[in-house]
Protein backbone atom coordinates (compact mmCIF):
# COMPACT_ATOMS: atom_id res chain seq x y z
CA MET A 1 -9.51 -56.98 -8.00
CA ALA A 2 -8.95 -60.56 -9.20
CA GLY A 3 -5.44 -59.65 -10.32
CA ASP A 4 -4.68 -58.09 -6.96
CA ASP A 5 -5.97 -61.21 -5.16
CA ALA A 6 -3.68 -63.42 -7.26
CA ARG A 7 -0.67 -61.22 -6.54
CA MET A 8 -1.46 -61.22 -2.83
CA ARG A 9 -1.83 -65.02 -2.76
CA GLN A 10 1.48 -65.47 -4.58
CA LEU A 11 3.18 -63.08 -2.18
CA LEU A 12 1.87 -64.97 0.85
CA GLU A 13 2.95 -68.30 -0.65
CA HIS A 14 6.45 -66.95 -1.24
CA LEU A 15 6.58 -65.68 2.31
CA LYS A 16 5.30 -68.99 3.71
CA THR A 17 7.88 -71.06 1.80
CA GLY A 18 10.74 -68.74 2.68
CA MET A 19 11.35 -67.53 -0.87
CA ILE A 20 11.16 -63.99 0.45
CA GLY A 21 11.55 -62.47 3.90
CA ILE A 22 9.22 -60.24 5.89
CA GLU A 23 10.97 -57.00 4.87
CA GLU A 24 10.77 -57.84 1.16
CA ALA A 25 7.10 -58.79 1.54
CA LEU A 26 6.39 -55.47 3.24
CA ASP A 27 8.19 -53.64 0.45
CA GLN A 28 6.03 -55.37 -2.16
CA LEU A 29 2.86 -54.67 -0.20
CA ARG A 30 3.68 -50.98 -0.27
CA ARG A 31 3.48 -51.07 -4.08
CA PHE A 32 -0.02 -52.51 -4.56
CA PRO A 33 -2.99 -52.79 -4.88
CA THR A 34 -5.41 -50.30 -6.33
CA THR A 35 -9.18 -50.61 -6.55
CA ASP A 36 -10.26 -50.13 -10.17
CA LEU A 37 -13.64 -48.39 -10.37
CA GLY A 38 -13.48 -47.94 -14.15
CA PHE A 39 -13.33 -44.14 -13.96
CA ALA A 40 -10.78 -44.08 -11.12
CA ASN A 41 -8.01 -46.24 -9.66
CA VAL A 42 -8.24 -45.80 -5.91
CA ASP A 43 -4.84 -46.05 -4.21
CA THR A 44 -5.85 -48.14 -1.19
CA HIS A 45 -2.23 -48.74 -0.14
CA ARG A 46 -1.31 -45.07 0.09
CA GLN A 47 -1.91 -45.24 3.82
CA MET A 48 0.68 -47.98 4.15
CA ARG A 49 3.24 -46.03 2.12
CA ARG A 50 2.54 -42.50 3.37
CA GLY A 51 0.75 -42.95 6.69
CA ILE A 52 -2.49 -41.34 5.43
CA PRO A 53 -5.12 -42.58 2.96
CA GLU A 54 -5.86 -41.16 -0.46
CA VAL A 55 -7.90 -37.96 -0.16
CA ILE A 56 -10.68 -37.19 -2.63
CA PHE A 57 -10.54 -33.85 -4.44
CA GLY A 58 -14.23 -33.20 -5.03
CA GLU A 59 -14.01 -30.31 -7.46
CA SER A 60 -15.20 -31.29 -10.97
CA LYS A 61 -16.30 -34.75 -9.77
CA THR A 62 -19.91 -35.83 -9.73
CA ALA A 63 -21.57 -36.77 -6.46
CA ASP A 64 -21.79 -40.37 -7.70
CA GLN A 65 -18.06 -40.47 -8.41
CA ILE A 66 -17.26 -39.06 -4.98
CA ALA A 67 -19.55 -41.59 -3.31
CA LYS A 68 -18.02 -44.57 -5.13
CA ILE A 69 -14.45 -43.49 -4.36
CA ALA A 70 -15.36 -42.83 -0.72
CA ALA A 71 -17.00 -46.26 -0.47
CA ALA A 72 -13.84 -47.93 -1.81
CA ILE A 73 -11.67 -46.11 0.73
CA GLU A 74 -14.06 -46.99 3.56
CA ALA A 75 -14.18 -50.64 2.42
CA ALA A 76 -10.40 -50.73 2.79
CA GLY A 77 -10.87 -49.79 6.46
CA GLN A 78 -9.51 -46.28 5.97
CA ASN A 79 -10.68 -42.83 6.99
CA VAL A 80 -12.44 -40.72 4.35
CA LEU A 81 -11.69 -37.08 3.56
CA CYS A 82 -13.08 -35.26 0.55
CA THR A 83 -12.21 -31.62 -0.12
CA ARG A 84 -13.85 -28.92 -2.27
CA VAL A 85 -17.35 -30.39 -1.99
CA ARG A 86 -20.29 -28.18 -2.86
CA PRO A 87 -23.37 -28.34 -0.60
CA GLU A 88 -25.51 -30.09 -3.22
CA GLN A 89 -22.77 -32.67 -3.81
CA ALA A 90 -22.43 -33.24 -0.06
CA ALA A 91 -26.16 -33.81 0.41
CA SER A 92 -26.20 -36.44 -2.34
CA VAL A 93 -23.08 -38.24 -1.12
CA ARG A 94 -24.31 -38.32 2.48
CA ARG A 95 -27.51 -40.05 1.36
CA LYS A 96 -25.36 -42.85 -0.08
CA ILE A 97 -22.74 -43.15 2.66
CA ARG A 98 -23.75 -42.89 6.29
CA GLY A 99 -21.63 -41.17 8.88
CA LEU A 100 -20.04 -38.51 6.69
CA ALA A 101 -19.79 -35.11 8.39
CA TYR A 102 -19.98 -32.02 6.19
CA ASN A 103 -18.26 -28.75 7.07
CA PRO A 104 -19.87 -26.08 4.84
CA VAL A 105 -17.13 -23.50 5.48
CA ALA A 106 -14.24 -25.88 4.75
CA ARG A 107 -16.30 -27.64 2.07
CA THR A 108 -15.14 -31.01 3.38
CA LEU A 109 -16.69 -34.41 3.97
CA VAL A 110 -15.09 -36.53 6.71
CA LYS A 111 -15.65 -40.00 8.11
CA ILE A 112 -13.31 -41.48 10.70
CA VAL A 113 -13.25 -45.26 10.46
CA GLU A 114 -10.23 -45.70 12.74
CA PRO A 115 -8.76 -42.70 14.60
CA ARG A 116 -5.12 -42.01 13.81
CA ALA A 117 -2.61 -41.83 16.64
CA PRO A 118 -2.26 -38.15 17.59
CA ALA A 119 0.90 -36.26 16.78
CA PRO A 120 2.65 -34.46 19.63
CA GLY A 121 2.45 -30.71 19.84
CA MET A 122 -0.13 -28.29 18.53
CA ALA A 123 -0.84 -26.89 15.07
CA LEU A 124 -2.10 -23.33 14.97
CA VAL A 125 -4.18 -22.17 11.99
CA LEU A 126 -4.30 -18.39 11.49
CA CYS A 127 -6.11 -16.44 8.82
CA ALA A 128 -5.97 -12.75 8.01
CA GLY A 129 -9.63 -12.08 7.23
CA THR A 130 -13.02 -13.72 7.39
CA SER A 131 -12.95 -14.11 3.59
CA ASP A 132 -9.92 -16.40 4.02
CA MET A 133 -11.80 -18.76 6.34
CA PRO A 134 -12.75 -21.43 3.74
CA VAL A 135 -9.06 -22.09 3.03
CA ALA A 136 -8.12 -21.88 6.72
CA GLU A 137 -10.92 -24.27 7.69
CA GLU A 138 -9.85 -26.71 4.95
CA ALA A 139 -6.42 -26.73 6.62
CA ALA A 140 -7.83 -27.08 10.14
CA VAL A 141 -10.23 -29.90 9.23
CA THR A 142 -7.45 -31.73 7.40
CA LEU A 143 -5.13 -31.46 10.39
CA GLU A 144 -7.85 -32.83 12.67
CA PHE A 145 -8.51 -35.63 10.17
CA LEU A 146 -4.79 -36.47 10.35
CA GLY A 147 -4.99 -36.78 14.13
CA ASP A 148 -3.42 -33.46 15.11
CA ARG A 149 -4.42 -31.07 17.87
CA VAL A 150 -5.51 -27.80 16.30
CA GLU A 151 -6.09 -24.26 17.58
CA ARG A 152 -7.68 -21.59 15.41
CA ALA A 153 -7.27 -17.81 15.35
CA TYR A 154 -9.22 -16.13 12.56
CA ASP A 155 -9.54 -12.52 11.38
CA VAL A 156 -6.17 -11.43 12.78
CA GLY A 157 -4.76 -9.65 9.73
CA VAL A 158 -2.22 -6.85 9.69
CA ALA A 159 -4.83 -4.15 9.03
CA GLY A 160 -5.67 -4.48 12.74
CA ILE A 161 -2.42 -5.93 13.97
CA HIS A 162 -3.38 -5.62 17.66
CA ARG A 163 -5.71 -8.58 17.03
CA LEU A 164 -2.70 -10.72 16.17
CA PHE A 165 -0.73 -9.62 19.24
CA GLU A 166 -3.65 -10.69 21.41
CA ARG A 167 -2.94 -14.25 20.19
CA ARG A 168 0.78 -14.10 20.89
CA GLU A 169 0.62 -16.81 23.57
CA LEU A 170 -0.88 -19.24 21.07
CA ILE A 171 1.74 -18.30 18.48
CA VAL A 172 4.59 -18.96 20.90
CA ARG A 173 3.13 -22.31 22.06
CA ALA A 174 2.48 -23.67 18.57
CA SER A 175 4.65 -26.47 17.17
CA VAL A 176 3.78 -25.50 13.60
CA ILE A 177 1.69 -22.64 12.18
CA VAL A 178 -0.46 -22.57 9.07
CA CYS A 179 -0.91 -18.92 8.10
CA VAL A 180 -3.57 -18.05 5.51
CA ALA A 181 -3.85 -14.61 3.89
CA GLY A 182 -4.93 -12.90 0.68
CA MET A 183 -4.65 -9.28 -0.50
CA GLU A 184 -0.94 -8.37 -0.08
CA GLY A 185 -0.14 -11.54 1.90
CA ALA A 186 1.80 -9.82 4.67
CA LEU A 187 0.61 -11.88 7.65
CA PRO A 188 3.07 -14.83 7.43
CA SER A 189 6.11 -12.54 7.58
CA VAL A 190 4.79 -10.88 10.74
CA VAL A 191 3.86 -14.21 12.35
CA ALA A 192 7.25 -15.75 11.54
CA GLY A 193 8.89 -12.79 13.25
CA LEU A 194 7.04 -13.71 16.46
CA ALA A 195 7.12 -17.50 16.34
CA ARG A 196 9.64 -20.20 17.17
CA ALA A 197 7.75 -22.71 15.04
CA PRO A 198 7.95 -23.14 11.27
CA VAL A 199 5.27 -21.25 9.35
CA VAL A 200 3.42 -22.72 6.37
CA ALA A 201 2.08 -19.78 4.37
CA VAL A 202 -1.04 -20.14 2.23
CA PRO A 203 -1.90 -17.36 -0.22
CA THR A 204 -5.58 -17.05 -1.05
CA SER A 205 -7.29 -15.75 -4.16
CA ILE A 206 -9.00 -13.03 -2.11
CA GLY A 207 -8.31 -9.42 -3.11
CA TYR A 208 -9.01 -6.65 -5.60
CA GLY A 209 -7.73 -6.54 -9.18
CA ALA A 210 -4.03 -6.09 -8.47
CA ALA A 211 -4.15 -9.15 -6.21
CA PHE A 212 -4.30 -11.13 -9.50
CA GLY A 213 -6.29 -14.00 -8.00
CA GLY A 214 -3.74 -14.63 -5.28
CA VAL A 215 -0.54 -14.18 -7.30
CA THR A 216 0.37 -10.99 -5.40
CA ALA A 217 0.03 -12.76 -2.05
CA LEU A 218 1.96 -15.76 -3.37
CA LEU A 219 4.91 -13.63 -4.52
CA ALA A 220 4.89 -11.61 -1.27
CA MET A 221 5.07 -14.81 0.78
CA LEU A 222 7.85 -16.22 -1.39
CA ASN A 223 9.75 -12.98 -0.74
CA SER A 224 9.20 -13.05 3.04
CA CYS A 225 11.93 -11.26 4.97
CA SER A 226 11.32 -13.56 7.97
CA GLY A 227 13.05 -16.93 8.17
CA GLY A 228 11.28 -20.25 8.54
CA VAL A 229 8.45 -19.62 6.07
CA ALA A 230 7.45 -22.30 3.56
CA VAL A 231 4.83 -21.44 0.93
CA VAL A 232 2.22 -23.66 -0.73
CA ASN A 233 0.03 -22.95 -3.74
CA ILE A 234 -2.86 -20.50 -3.87
CA ASP A 235 -5.88 -21.63 -1.80
CA ASN A 236 -4.16 -24.93 -0.95
CA GLY A 237 -5.27 -25.39 2.66
CA PHE A 238 -5.12 -29.16 2.30
CA GLY A 239 -1.51 -29.14 1.09
CA ALA A 240 -0.48 -26.81 3.91
CA ALA A 241 -2.09 -29.09 6.49
CA GLN A 242 -0.43 -32.20 5.11
CA PHE A 243 2.97 -30.48 5.24
CA ALA A 244 2.30 -29.23 8.78
CA ASP A 245 1.39 -32.76 9.86
CA LEU A 246 4.68 -34.05 8.46
CA VAL A 247 6.52 -31.38 10.46
CA LEU A 248 4.79 -32.46 13.68
CA ARG A 249 5.46 -36.15 13.12
CA ALA A 250 9.04 -35.70 11.87
CA SER A 251 9.95 -33.75 15.00
CA SER A 252 8.47 -36.56 17.11
CA ALA A 253 10.35 -39.26 15.17
CA ALA A 254 13.62 -37.36 15.59
CA LYS A 255 13.25 -37.54 19.37
CA GLU A 256 12.74 -41.32 19.42
């Protein structure tokens, strides 16, 4: 932290004396600092560069590590999102940091320090079966964390395709669609055939032996016969949501 303080002071002095201009100062600010916790370097300027703060991936971390990283992000005045958090981890972290909300289905911890300006339009999160809900909820919670308006339609897979058609109005109104499915991964192709919006397909690791832990669904989605389908990695609800948020905000920026 001392090194970061010295760099910041020097930058401000250079700006004050006219050695650099405002644009150059902003460019330098985008490149530092980090908060060194010993076991982790928290990227507290990611929000300035990318528009969203660093997100904590909770899997394989201890509750103490999650709590310390979350505290550093909160101390920087930024919103906190941690994904893949087990219930016992969440209980421990929430005892250390007040105000964290735990979603047991999404396995997320969230604390909003300063609400983000909402994106225009609506993101629709679909999932094929109830077993796909953890990944779908991770996507939905992430989109809400990013300030987006979200609608959900769960258990609308192709095995009972009439359930999907009952949600056709939502599909047509959506500005972007996150479509989550396991087994053979057919749902995104069907949805993209109905929708005007881009579809972000998320294969899940749900399925019997020949599903190969989600590889079958992944390959099916990559081979979609419908246009406008982008595919993220297996079980990556967070990544799908971040991409969907970029779609919403890029379309808004293009209109300005």
